[in-house]
Amino acid sequence: MKLFELDSQQDEIPFDVVDDLAIFMRNDPMFYRKTFFPAMASASDKIERGQSVDPVIFIKPVVDQAVKSYCSTFIRDRRSEDVFTEKDKKACVDKISAEEMPNIKKGMYKDKV
């Protein structure tokens, strides 16, 4: 193995960052409580009032915040832009939307106060 091959292998992340980010968003207690759940509850309230909900509009800011939190927690030696491309962020928005919209429509994220 040549030195440049070793260096290029270290630049690659050995897992799917989109899947890992989605898992982080749902399983990090502080992120879930302060960011993820409120966004989903807001979307649920809008749907209940009969308003249309565009997943890109309400999930994209959540994903952007998740990228910052994720990178500051797990990947401190790289810039978030170097880890998550816009394509990755879009894929995460699509993944969260596909998985959570049925839950939102069922009322799973209702504020039960």
PDB file of N, CA and C in Angstrom:
ATOM      1  N   MET A   1       0.853  -1.172   0.000  1.00  0.00           N
ATOM      2  CA  MET A   1       0.000   0.000   0.000  1.00  0.00           C
ATOM      3  C   MET A   1       0.899   1.235   0.000  1.00  0.00           C
ATOM      4  N   LYS A   2       0.516   2.185  -0.798  1.00  0.00           N
ATOM      5  CA  LYS A   2       1.284   3.420  -0.901  1.00  0.00           C
ATOM      6  C   LYS A   2       0.705   4.457   0.051  1.00  0.00           C
ATOM      7  N   LEU A   3       1.516   5.408   0.427  1.00  0.00           N
ATOM      8  CA  LEU A   3       1.117   6.428   1.387  1.00  0.00           C
ATOM      9  C   LEU A   3      -0.114   7.200   0.917  1.00  0.00           C
ATOM     10  N   PHE A   4      -0.188   7.572  -0.355  1.00  0.00           N
ATOM     11  CA  PHE A   4      -1.351   8.328  -0.827  1.00  0.00           C
ATOM     12  C   PHE A   4      -2.634   7.488  -0.765  1.00  0.00           C
ATOM     13  N   GLU A   5      -2.515   6.161  -0.902  1.00  0.00           N
ATOM     14  CA  GLU A   5      -3.694   5.301  -0.776  1.00  0.00           C
ATOM     15  C   GLU A   5      -4.206   5.292   0.656  1.00  0.00           C
ATOM     16  N   LEU A   6      -3.300   5.268   1.597  1.00  0.00           N
ATOM     17  CA  LEU A   6      -3.676   5.292   3.011  1.00  0.00           C
ATOM     18  C   LEU A   6      -4.381   6.589   3.349  1.00  0.00           C
ATOM     19  N   ASP A   7      -3.854   7.704   2.842  1.00  0.00           N
ATOM     20  CA  ASP A   7      -4.453   9.010   3.111  1.00  0.00           C
ATOM     21  C   ASP A   7      -5.855   9.110   2.516  1.00  0.00           C
ATOM     22  N   SER A   8      -6.052   8.591   1.311  1.00  0.00           N
ATOM     23  CA  SER A   8      -7.369   8.682   0.689  1.00  0.00           C
ATOM     24  C   SER A   8      -8.389   7.807   1.411  1.00  0.00           C
ATOM     25  N   GLN A   9      -7.954   6.709   2.013  1.00  0.00           N
ATOM     26  CA  GLN A   9      -8.870   5.860   2.761  1.00  0.00           C
ATOM     27  C   GLN A   9      -9.334   6.548   4.034  1.00  0.00           C
ATOM     28  N   GLN A  10      -8.510   7.363   4.635  1.00  0.00           N
ATOM     29  CA  GLN A  10      -8.889   8.049   5.858  1.00  0.00           C
ATOM     30  C   GLN A  10      -9.905   9.143   5.594  1.00  0.00           C
ATOM     31  N   ASP A  11      -9.957   9.658   4.372  1.00  0.00           N
ATOM     32  CA  ASP A  11     -10.914  10.708   4.040  1.00  0.00           C
ATOM     33  C   ASP A  11     -12.328  10.170   3.906  1.00  0.00           C
ATOM     34  N   GLU A  12     -12.450   8.895   3.601  1.00  0.00           N
ATOM     35  CA  GLU A  12     -13.772   8.309   3.423  1.00  0.00           C
ATOM     36  C   GLU A  12     -14.374   7.925   4.775  1.00  0.00           C
ATOM     37  N   ILE A  13     -15.644   8.179   4.915  1.00  0.00           N
ATOM     38  CA  ILE A  13     -16.350   7.786   6.129  1.00  0.00           C
ATOM     39  C   ILE A  13     -16.929   6.399   5.861  1.00  0.00           C
ATOM     40  N   PRO A  14     -16.658   5.440   6.740  1.00  0.00           N
ATOM     41  CA  PRO A  14     -16.998   4.044   6.453  1.00  0.00           C
ATOM     42  C   PRO A  14     -18.462   3.653   6.715  1.00  0.00           C
ATOM     43  N   PHE A  15     -19.376   4.615   6.677  1.00  0.00           N
ATOM     44  CA  PHE A  15     -20.785   4.310   6.880  1.00  0.00           C
ATOM     45  C   PHE A  15     -21.613   5.339   6.133  1.00  0.00           C
ATOM     46  N   ASP A  16     -22.889   5.077   6.016  1.00  0.00           N
ATOM     47  CA  ASP A  16     -23.799   5.970   5.308  1.00  0.00           C
ATOM     48  C   ASP A  16     -24.150   7.145   6.223  1.00  0.00           C
ATOM     49  N   VAL A  17     -23.663   8.331   5.893  1.00  0.00           N
ATOM     50  CA  VAL A  17     -23.882   9.492   6.753  1.00  0.00           C
ATOM     51  C   VAL A  17     -25.351   9.905   6.800  1.00  0.00           C
ATOM     52  N   VAL A  18     -26.099   9.651   5.737  1.00  0.00           N
ATOM     53  CA  VAL A  18     -27.523  10.007   5.720  1.00  0.00           C
ATOM     54  C   VAL A  18     -28.282   9.159   6.735  1.00  0.00           C
ATOM     55  N   ASP A  19     -28.059   7.855   6.702  1.00  0.00           N
ATOM     56  CA  ASP A  19     -28.728   6.975   7.666  1.00  0.00           C
ATOM     57  C   ASP A  19     -28.303   7.299   9.092  1.00  0.00           C
ATOM     58  N   ASP A  20     -27.020   7.544   9.276  1.00  0.00           N
ATOM     59  CA  ASP A  20     -26.523   7.839  10.619  1.00  0.00           C
ATOM     60  C   ASP A  20     -27.100   9.156  11.142  1.00  0.00           C
ATOM     61  N   LEU A  21     -27.232  10.147  10.267  1.00  0.00           N
ATOM     62  CA  LEU A  21     -27.815  11.423  10.676  1.00  0.00           C
ATOM     63  C   LEU A  21     -29.282  11.249  11.068  1.00  0.00           C
ATOM     64  N   ALA A  22     -30.023  10.461  10.301  1.00  0.00           N
ATOM     65  CA  ALA A  22     -31.438  10.215  10.623  1.00  0.00           C
ATOM     66  C   ALA A  22     -31.561   9.505  11.975  1.00  0.00           C
ATOM     67  N   ILE A  23     -30.690   8.565  12.234  1.00  0.00           N
ATOM     68  CA  ILE A  23     -30.699   7.862  13.523  1.00  0.00           C
ATOM     69  C   ILE A  23     -30.363   8.835  14.648  1.00  0.00           C
ATOM     70  N   PHE A  24     -29.373   9.682  14.419  1.00  0.00           N
ATOM     71  CA  PHE A  24     -28.987  10.691  15.410  1.00  0.00           C
ATOM     72  C   PHE A  24     -30.171  11.603  15.735  1.00  0.00           C
ATOM     73  N   MET A  25     -30.871  12.054  14.714  1.00  0.00           N
ATOM     74  CA  MET A  25     -31.975  12.989  14.905  1.00  0.00           C
ATOM     75  C   MET A  25     -33.063  12.402  15.808  1.00  0.00           C
ATOM     76  N   ARG A  26     -33.292  11.121  15.681  1.00  0.00           N
ATOM     77  CA  ARG A  26     -34.346  10.470  16.473  1.00  0.00           C
ATOM     78  C   ARG A  26     -33.870   9.982  17.843  1.00  0.00           C
ATOM     79  N   ASN A  27     -32.575   9.738  17.981  1.00  0.00           N
ATOM     80  CA  ASN A  27     -32.096   9.090  19.197  1.00  0.00           C
ATOM     81  C   ASN A  27     -31.273   9.957  20.138  1.00  0.00           C
ATOM     82  N   ASP A  28     -30.829  11.115  19.692  1.00  0.00           N
ATOM     83  CA  ASP A  28     -30.132  12.017  20.601  1.00  0.00           C
ATOM     84  C   ASP A  28     -31.199  12.729  21.439  1.00  0.00           C
ATOM     85  N   PRO A  29     -31.201  12.500  22.753  1.00  0.00           N
ATOM     86  CA  PRO A  29     -32.312  13.025  23.566  1.00  0.00           C
ATOM     87  C   PRO A  29     -32.477  14.541  23.494  1.00  0.00           C
ATOM     88  N   MET A  30     -31.393  15.277  23.526  1.00  0.00           N
ATOM     89  CA  MET A  30     -31.506  16.742  23.501  1.00  0.00           C
ATOM     90  C   MET A  30     -31.954  17.243  22.132  1.00  0.00           C
ATOM     91  N   PHE A  31     -31.390  16.687  21.073  1.00  0.00           N
ATOM     92  CA  PHE A  31     -31.790  17.128  19.737  1.00  0.00           C
ATOM     93  C   PHE A  31     -33.245  16.780  19.487  1.00  0.00           C
ATOM     94  N   TYR A  32     -33.636  15.587  19.847  1.00  0.00           N
ATOM     95  CA  TYR A  32     -35.027  15.157  19.635  1.00  0.00           C
ATOM     96  C   TYR A  32     -35.994  16.067  20.385  1.00  0.00           C
ATOM     97  N   ARG A  33     -35.682  16.327  21.639  1.00  0.00           N
ATOM     98  CA  ARG A  33     -36.586  17.106  22.493  1.00  0.00           C
ATOM     99  C   ARG A  33     -36.664  18.569  22.074  1.00  0.00           C
ATOM    100  N   LYS A  34     -35.530  19.138  21.709  1.00  0.00           N
ATOM    101  CA  LYS A  34     -35.506  20.577  21.424  1.00  0.00           C
ATOM    102  C   LYS A  34     -35.759  20.936  19.965  1.00  0.00           C
ATOM    103  N   THR A  35     -35.482  20.019  19.042  1.00  0.00           N
ATOM    104  CA  THR A  35     -35.574  20.371  17.627  1.00  0.00           C
ATOM    105  C   THR A  35     -36.508  19.460  16.835  1.00  0.00           C
ATOM    106  N   PHE A  36     -36.263  18.164  16.889  1.00  0.00           N
ATOM    107  CA  PHE A  36     -36.997  17.232  16.039  1.00  0.00           C
ATOM    108  C   PHE A  36     -38.485  17.162  16.389  1.00  0.00           C
ATOM    109  N   PHE A  37     -38.791  16.863  17.637  1.00  0.00           N
ATOM    110  CA  PHE A  37     -40.193  16.732  18.045  1.00  0.00           C
ATOM    111  C   PHE A  37     -40.991  18.013  17.819  1.00  0.00           C
ATOM    112  N   PRO A  38     -40.472  19.186  18.220  1.00  0.00           N
ATOM    113  CA  PRO A  38     -41.255  20.412  17.972  1.00  0.00           C
ATOM    114  C   PRO A  38     -41.575  20.646  16.490  1.00  0.00           C
ATOM    115  N   ALA A  39     -40.639  20.320  15.602  1.00  0.00           N
ATOM    116  CA  ALA A  39     -40.891  20.496  14.171  1.00  0.00           C
ATOM    117  C   ALA A  39     -41.982  19.541  13.695  1.00  0.00           C
ATOM    118  N   MET A  40     -41.920  18.311  14.160  1.00  0.00           N
ATOM    119  CA  MET A  40     -42.944  17.333  13.769  1.00  0.00           C
ATOM    120  C   MET A  40     -44.307  17.697  14.361  1.00  0.00           C
ATOM    121  N   ALA A  41     -44.326  18.187  15.599  1.00  0.00           N
ATOM    122  CA  ALA A  41     -45.577  18.600  16.238  1.00  0.00           C
ATOM    123  C   ALA A  41     -46.187  19.794  15.504  1.00  0.00           C
ATOM    124  N   SER A  42     -45.355  20.714  15.070  1.00  0.00           N
ATOM    125  CA  SER A  42     -45.827  21.875  14.311  1.00  0.00           C
ATOM    126  C   SER A  42     -46.453  21.427  12.990  1.00  0.00           C
ATOM    127  N   ALA A  43     -45.811  20.495  12.313  1.00  0.00           N
ATOM    128  CA  ALA A  43     -46.358  19.973  11.060  1.00  0.00           C
ATOM    129  C   ALA A  43     -47.684  19.266  11.324  1.00  0.00           C
ATOM    130  N   SER A  44     -47.763  18.524  12.401  1.00  0.00           N
ATOM    131  CA  SER A  44     -48.996  17.830  12.769  1.00  0.00           C
ATOM    132  C   SER A  44     -50.129  18.817  13.019  1.00  0.00           C
ATOM    133  N   ASP A  45     -49.822  19.906  13.719  1.00  0.00           N
ATOM    134  CA  ASP A  45     -50.833  20.929  13.981  1.00  0.00           C
ATOM    135  C   ASP A  45     -51.335  21.559  12.683  1.00  0.00           C
ATOM    136  N   LYS A  46     -50.414  21.822  11.755  1.00  0.00           N
ATOM    137  CA  LYS A  46     -50.809  22.420  10.471  1.00  0.00           C
ATOM    138  C   LYS A  46     -51.710  21.478   9.683  1.00  0.00           C
ATOM    139  N   ILE A  47     -51.368  20.207   9.683  1.00  0.00           N
ATOM    140  CA  ILE A  47     -52.188  19.231   8.959  1.00  0.00           C
ATOM    141  C   ILE A  47     -53.569  19.149   9.592  1.00  0.00           C
ATOM    142  N   GLU A  48     -53.635  19.185  10.920  1.00  0.00           N
ATOM    143  CA  GLU A  48     -54.920  19.134  11.621  1.00  0.00           C
ATOM    144  C   GLU A  48     -55.792  20.334  11.264  1.00  0.00           C
ATOM    145  N   ARG A  49     -55.168  21.498  11.061  1.00  0.00           N
ATOM    146  CA  ARG A  49     -55.916  22.704  10.687  1.00  0.00           C
ATOM    147  C   ARG A  49     -56.254  22.737   9.197  1.00  0.00           C
ATOM    148  N   GLY A  50     -55.819  21.706   8.460  1.00  0.00           N
ATOM    149  CA  GLY A  50     -56.126  21.643   7.035  1.00  0.00           C
ATOM    150  C   GLY A  50     -55.143  22.380   6.152  1.00  0.00           C
ATOM    151  N   GLN A  51     -54.034  22.820   6.705  1.00  0.00           N
ATOM    152  CA  GLN A  51     -53.022  23.510   5.920  1.00  0.00           C
ATOM    153  C   GLN A  51     -52.112  22.491   5.240  1.00  0.00           C
ATOM    154  N   SER A  52     -51.572  22.884   4.104  1.00  0.00           N
ATOM    155  CA  SER A  52     -50.633  21.984   3.430  1.00  0.00           C
ATOM    156  C   SER A  52     -49.260  22.103   4.098  1.00  0.00           C
ATOM    157  N   VAL A  53     -48.555  21.005   4.093  1.00  0.00           N
ATOM    158  CA  VAL A  53     -47.238  20.951   4.722  1.00  0.00           C
ATOM    159  C   VAL A  53     -46.239  20.474   3.676  1.00  0.00           C
ATOM    160  N   ASP A  54     -45.265  21.320   3.386  1.00  0.00           N
ATOM    161  CA  ASP A  54     -44.199  20.962   2.455  1.00  0.00           C
ATOM    162  C   ASP A  54     -43.035  20.406   3.273  1.00  0.00           C
ATOM    163  N   PRO A  55     -42.711  19.129   3.116  1.00  0.00           N
ATOM    164  CA  PRO A  55     -41.643  18.525   3.913  1.00  0.00           C
ATOM    165  C   PRO A  55     -40.313  19.260   3.809  1.00  0.00           C
ATOM    166  N   VAL A  56     -40.008  19.784   2.635  1.00  0.00           N
ATOM    167  CA  VAL A  56     -38.735  20.485   2.475  1.00  0.00           C
ATOM    168  C   VAL A  56     -38.690  21.715   3.375  1.00  0.00           C
ATOM    169  N   ILE A  57     -39.807  22.410   3.488  1.00  0.00           N
ATOM    170  CA  ILE A  57     -39.835  23.643   4.272  1.00  0.00           C
ATOM    171  C   ILE A  57     -39.701  23.364   5.763  1.00  0.00           C
ATOM    172  N   PHE A  58     -40.354  22.326   6.275  1.00  0.00           N
ATOM    173  CA  PHE A  58     -40.270  22.122   7.718  1.00  0.00           C
ATOM    174  C   PHE A  58     -39.178  21.146   8.141  1.00  0.00           C
ATOM    175  N   ILE A  59     -38.698  20.288   7.243  1.00  0.00           N
ATOM    176  CA  ILE A  59     -37.651  19.337   7.631  1.00  0.00           C
ATOM    177  C   ILE A  59     -36.250  19.861   7.322  1.00  0.00           C
ATOM    178  N   LYS A  60     -36.076  20.628   6.266  1.00  0.00           N
ATOM    179  CA  LYS A  60     -34.738  21.113   5.882  1.00  0.00           C
ATOM    180  C   LYS A  60     -34.037  21.864   7.018  1.00  0.00           C
ATOM    181  N   PRO A  61     -34.702  22.792   7.710  1.00  0.00           N
ATOM    182  CA  PRO A  61     -34.012  23.462   8.830  1.00  0.00           C
ATOM    183  C   PRO A  61     -33.635  22.495   9.958  1.00  0.00           C
ATOM    184  N   VAL A  62     -34.453  21.476  10.158  1.00  0.00           N
ATOM    185  CA  VAL A  62     -34.155  20.473  11.184  1.00  0.00           C
ATOM    186  C   VAL A  62     -32.905  19.684  10.783  1.00  0.00           C
ATOM    187  N   VAL A  63     -32.824  19.319   9.513  1.00  0.00           N
ATOM    188  CA  VAL A  63     -31.650  18.591   9.015  1.00  0.00           C
ATOM    189  C   VAL A  63     -30.406  19.465   9.109  1.00  0.00           C
ATOM    190  N   ASP A  64     -30.525  20.730   8.744  1.00  0.00           N
ATOM    191  CA  ASP A  64     -29.368  21.637   8.836  1.00  0.00           C
ATOM    192  C   ASP A  64     -28.863  21.738  10.274  1.00  0.00           C
ATOM    193  N   GLN A  65     -29.773  21.860  11.214  1.00  0.00           N
ATOM    194  CA  GLN A  65     -29.393  21.917  12.628  1.00  0.00           C
ATOM    195  C   GLN A  65     -28.782  20.589  13.080  1.00  0.00           C
ATOM    196  N   ALA A  66     -29.345  19.482  12.589  1.00  0.00           N
ATOM    197  CA  ALA A  66     -28.824  18.160  12.939  1.00  0.00           C
ATOM    198  C   ALA A  66     -27.391  17.983  12.446  1.00  0.00           C
ATOM    199  N   VAL A  67     -27.116  18.471  11.241  1.00  0.00           N
ATOM    200  CA  VAL A  67     -25.760  18.376  10.693  1.00  0.00           C
ATOM    201  C   VAL A  67     -24.775  19.087  11.615  1.00  0.00           C
ATOM    202  N   LYS A  68     -25.126  20.278  12.065  1.00  0.00           N
ATOM    203  CA  LYS A  68     -24.238  21.023  12.970  1.00  0.00           C
ATOM    204  C   LYS A  68     -24.022  20.270  14.275  1.00  0.00           C
ATOM    205  N   SER A  69     -25.106  19.797  14.871  1.00  0.00           N
ATOM    206  CA  SER A  69     -25.000  19.078  16.142  1.00  0.00           C
ATOM    207  C   SER A  69     -24.229  17.780  15.983  1.00  0.00           C
ATOM    208  N   TYR A  70     -24.527  17.054  14.935  1.00  0.00           N
ATOM    209  CA  TYR A  70     -23.873  15.771  14.667  1.00  0.00           C
ATOM    210  C   TYR A  70     -22.371  15.960  14.500  1.00  0.00           C
ATOM    211  N   CYS A  71     -21.998  16.914  13.663  1.00  0.00           N
ATOM    212  CA  CYS A  71     -20.567  17.138  13.396  1.00  0.00           C
ATOM    213  C   CYS A  71     -19.836  17.649  14.628  1.00  0.00           C
ATOM    214  N   SER A  72     -20.467  18.514  15.397  1.00  0.00           N
ATOM    215  CA  SER A  72     -19.793  19.012  16.598  1.00  0.00           C
ATOM    216  C   SER A  72     -19.635  17.922  17.644  1.00  0.00           C
ATOM    217  N   THR A  73     -20.495  16.914  17.602  1.00  0.00           N
ATOM    218  CA  THR A  73     -20.424  15.816  18.557  1.00  0.00           C
ATOM    219  C   THR A  73     -19.498  14.694  18.090  1.00  0.00           C
ATOM    220  N   PHE A  74     -19.606  14.306  16.827  1.00  0.00           N
ATOM    221  CA  PHE A  74     -18.927  13.097  16.360  1.00  0.00           C
ATOM    222  C   PHE A  74     -17.777  13.324  15.393  1.00  0.00           C
ATOM    223  N   ILE A  75     -17.804  14.386  14.630  1.00  0.00           N
ATOM    224  CA  ILE A  75     -16.781  14.583  13.600  1.00  0.00           C
ATOM    225  C   ILE A  75     -16.176  15.968  13.781  1.00  0.00           C
ATOM    226  N   ARG A  76     -15.335  16.086  14.748  1.00  0.00           N
ATOM    227  CA  ARG A  76     -14.779  17.400  15.101  1.00  0.00           C
ATOM    228  C   ARG A  76     -13.613  17.822  14.216  1.00  0.00           C
ATOM    229  N   ASP A  77     -12.997  16.880  13.528  1.00  0.00           N
ATOM    230  CA  ASP A  77     -11.810  17.208  12.749  1.00  0.00           C
ATOM    231  C   ASP A  77     -12.113  17.618  11.312  1.00  0.00           C
ATOM    232  N   ARG A  78     -13.384  17.720  10.958  1.00  0.00           N
ATOM    233  CA  ARG A  78     -13.771  18.121   9.600  1.00  0.00           C
ATOM    234  C   ARG A  78     -14.878  19.160   9.645  1.00  0.00           C
ATOM    235  N   ARG A  79     -14.960  19.921   8.585  1.00  0.00           N
ATOM    236  CA  ARG A  79     -16.061  20.865   8.459  1.00  0.00           C
ATOM    237  C   ARG A  79     -17.308  20.106   8.049  1.00  0.00           C
ATOM    238  N   SER A  80     -18.450  20.559   8.505  1.00  0.00           N
ATOM    239  CA  SER A  80     -19.702  19.865   8.177  1.00  0.00           C
ATOM    240  C   SER A  80     -19.950  19.832   6.668  1.00  0.00           C
ATOM    241  N   GLU A  81     -19.498  20.859   5.949  1.00  0.00           N
ATOM    242  CA  GLU A  81     -19.671  20.908   4.499  1.00  0.00           C
ATOM    243  C   GLU A  81     -18.857  19.820   3.804  1.00  0.00           C
ATOM    244  N   ASP A  82     -17.778  19.375   4.451  1.00  0.00           N
ATOM    245  CA  ASP A  82     -16.952  18.322   3.870  1.00  0.00           C
ATOM    246  C   ASP A  82     -17.541  16.940   4.124  1.00  0.00           C
ATOM    247  N   VAL A  83     -18.387  16.826   5.105  1.00  0.00           N
ATOM    248  CA  VAL A  83     -18.987  15.535   5.459  1.00  0.00           C
ATOM    249  C   VAL A  83     -20.343  15.371   4.791  1.00  0.00           C
ATOM    250  N   PHE A  84     -21.173  16.410   4.866  1.00  0.00           N
ATOM    251  CA  PHE A  84     -22.531  16.350   4.328  1.00  0.00           C
ATOM    252  C   PHE A  84     -22.664  17.282   3.130  1.00  0.00           C
ATOM    253  N   THR A  85     -22.848  16.699   1.972  1.00  0.00           N
ATOM    254  CA  THR A  85     -23.078  17.499   0.772  1.00  0.00           C
ATOM    255  C   THR A  85     -24.550  17.917   0.747  1.00  0.00           C
ATOM    256  N   GLU A  86     -24.884  18.807  -0.153  1.00  0.00           N
ATOM    257  CA  GLU A  86     -26.290  19.194  -0.316  1.00  0.00           C
ATOM    258  C   GLU A  86     -27.125  17.982  -0.746  1.00  0.00           C
ATOM    259  N   LYS A  87     -26.517  17.104  -1.517  1.00  0.00           N
ATOM    260  CA  LYS A  87     -27.203  15.875  -1.937  1.00  0.00           C
ATOM    261  C   LYS A  87     -27.516  15.000  -0.715  1.00  0.00           C
ATOM    262  N   ASP A  88     -26.566  14.911   0.223  1.00  0.00           N
ATOM    263  CA  ASP A  88     -26.791  14.143   1.456  1.00  0.00           C
ATOM    264  C   ASP A  88     -27.925  14.751   2.282  1.00  0.00           C
ATOM    265  N   LYS A  89     -27.917  16.068   2.396  1.00  0.00           N
ATOM    266  CA  LYS A  89     -28.965  16.747   3.161  1.00  0.00           C
ATOM    267  C   LYS A  89     -30.334  16.522   2.525  1.00  0.00           C
ATOM    268  N   LYS A  90     -30.398  16.615   1.200  1.00  0.00           N
ATOM    269  CA  LYS A  90     -31.653  16.379   0.483  1.00  0.00           C
ATOM    270  C   LYS A  90     -32.116  14.945   0.692  1.00  0.00           C
ATOM    271  N   ALA A  91     -31.180  14.003   0.652  1.00  0.00           N
ATOM    272  CA  ALA A  91     -31.529  12.594   0.870  1.00  0.00           C
ATOM    273  C   ALA A  91     -32.068  12.386   2.283  1.00  0.00           C
ATOM    274  N   CYS A  92     -31.506  13.097   3.248  1.00  0.00           N
ATOM    275  CA  CYS A  92     -31.977  12.990   4.631  1.00  0.00           C
ATOM    276  C   CYS A  92     -33.377  13.597   4.767  1.00  0.00           C
ATOM    277  N   VAL A  93     -33.606  14.719   4.128  1.00  0.00           N
ATOM    278  CA  VAL A  93     -34.947  15.330   4.134  1.00  0.00           C
ATOM    279  C   VAL A  93     -35.960  14.350   3.545  1.00  0.00           C
ATOM    280  N   ASP A  94     -35.602  13.737   2.426  1.00  0.00           N
ATOM    281  CA  ASP A  94     -36.504  12.780   1.782  1.00  0.00           C
ATOM    282  C   ASP A  94     -36.753  11.566   2.674  1.00  0.00           C
ATOM    283  N   LYS A  95     -35.704  11.083   3.327  1.00  0.00           N
ATOM    284  CA  LYS A  95     -35.817   9.914   4.205  1.00  0.00           C
ATOM    285  C   LYS A  95     -36.717  10.221   5.405  1.00  0.00           C
ATOM    286  N   ILE A  96     -36.463  11.329   6.063  1.00  0.00           N
ATOM    287  CA  ILE A  96     -37.262  11.701   7.230  1.00  0.00           C
ATOM    288  C   ILE A  96     -38.716  11.944   6.809  1.00  0.00           C
ATOM    289  N   SER A  97     -38.892  12.609   5.697  1.00  0.00           N
ATOM    290  CA  SER A  97     -40.245  12.883   5.200  1.00  0.00           C
ATOM    291  C   SER A  97     -40.995  11.574   4.931  1.00  0.00           C
ATOM    292  N   ALA A  98     -40.372  10.652   4.232  1.00  0.00           N
ATOM    293  CA  ALA A  98     -41.020   9.381   3.894  1.00  0.00           C
ATOM    294  C   ALA A  98     -41.357   8.572   5.142  1.00  0.00           C
ATOM    295  N   GLU A  99     -40.482   8.637   6.131  1.00  0.00           N
ATOM    296  CA  GLU A  99     -40.691   7.830   7.328  1.00  0.00           C
ATOM    297  C   GLU A  99     -41.612   8.498   8.346  1.00  0.00           C
ATOM    298  N   GLU A 100     -41.604   9.814   8.421  1.00  0.00           N
ATOM    299  CA  GLU A 100     -42.357  10.504   9.470  1.00  0.00           C
ATOM    300  C   GLU A 100     -43.702  11.058   9.043  1.00  0.00           C
ATOM    301  N   MET A 101     -43.919  11.325   7.761  1.00  0.00           N
ATOM    302  CA  MET A 101     -45.215  11.877   7.346  1.00  0.00           C
ATOM    303  C   MET A 101     -46.378  10.965   7.718  1.00  0.00           C
ATOM    304  N   PRO A 102     -46.259   9.643   7.559  1.00  0.00           N
ATOM    305  CA  PRO A 102     -47.379   8.797   8.019  1.00  0.00           C
ATOM    306  C   PRO A 102     -47.623   8.926   9.528  1.00  0.00           C
ATOM    307  N   ASN A 103     -46.557   9.048  10.303  1.00  0.00           N
ATOM    308  CA  ASN A 103     -46.702   9.221  11.754  1.00  0.00           C
ATOM    309  C   ASN A 103     -47.334  10.567  12.093  1.00  0.00           C
ATOM    310  N   ILE A 104     -46.942  11.589  11.355  1.00  0.00           N
ATOM    311  CA  ILE A 104     -47.504  12.926  11.570  1.00  0.00           C
ATOM    312  C   ILE A 104     -48.998  12.915  11.269  1.00  0.00           C
ATOM    313  N   LYS A 105     -49.359  12.285  10.155  1.00  0.00           N
ATOM    314  CA  LYS A 105     -50.769  12.234   9.756  1.00  0.00           C
ATOM    315  C   LYS A 105     -51.614  11.409  10.717  1.00  0.00           C
ATOM    316  N   LYS A 106     -51.006  10.429  11.382  1.00  0.00           N
ATOM    317  CA  LYS A 106     -51.718   9.621  12.373  1.00  0.00           C
ATOM    318  C   LYS A 106     -51.879  10.351  13.701  1.00  0.00           C
ATOM    319  N   GLY A 107     -51.177  11.468  13.864  1.00  0.00           N
ATOM    320  CA  GLY A 107     -51.272  12.219  15.104  1.00  0.00           C
ATOM    321  C   GLY A 107     -50.260  11.805  16.158  1.00  0.00           C
ATOM    322  N   MET A 108     -49.224  11.116  15.764  1.00  0.00           N
ATOM    323  CA  MET A 108     -48.217  10.650  16.710  1.00  0.00           C
ATOM    324  C   MET A 108     -47.511  11.803  17.428  1.00  0.00           C
ATOM    325  N   TYR A 109     -47.410  12.936  16.774  1.00  0.00           N
ATOM    326  CA  TYR A 109     -46.689  14.074  17.334  1.00  0.00           C
ATOM    327  C   TYR A 109     -47.621  15.143  17.913  1.00  0.00           C
ATOM    328  N   LYS A 110     -48.791  14.757  18.320  1.00  0.00           N
ATOM    329  CA  LYS A 110     -49.728  15.709  18.898  1.00  0.00           C
ATOM    330  C   LYS A 110     -49.189  16.203  20.221  1.00  0.00           C
ATOM    331  N   ASP A 111     -49.349  17.478  20.454  1.00  0.00           N
ATOM    332  CA  ASP A 111     -49.017  18.056  21.749  1.00  0.00           C
ATOM    333  C   ASP A 111     -50.135  17.698  22.706  1.00  0.00           C
ATOM    334  N   LYS A 112     -49.859  16.846  23.647  1.00  0.00           N
ATOM    335  CA  LYS A 112     -50.875  16.389  24.595  1.00  0.00           C
ATOM    336  C   LYS A 112     -50.716  17.124  25.918  1.00  0.00           C
ATOM    337  N   VAL A 113     -51.164  18.346  25.905  1.00  0.00           N
ATOM    338  CA  VAL A 113     -51.046  19.187  27.105  1.00  0.00           C
ATOM    339  C   VAL A 113     -52.386  19.276  27.798  1.00  0.00           C
TER     340      VAL A 113
END
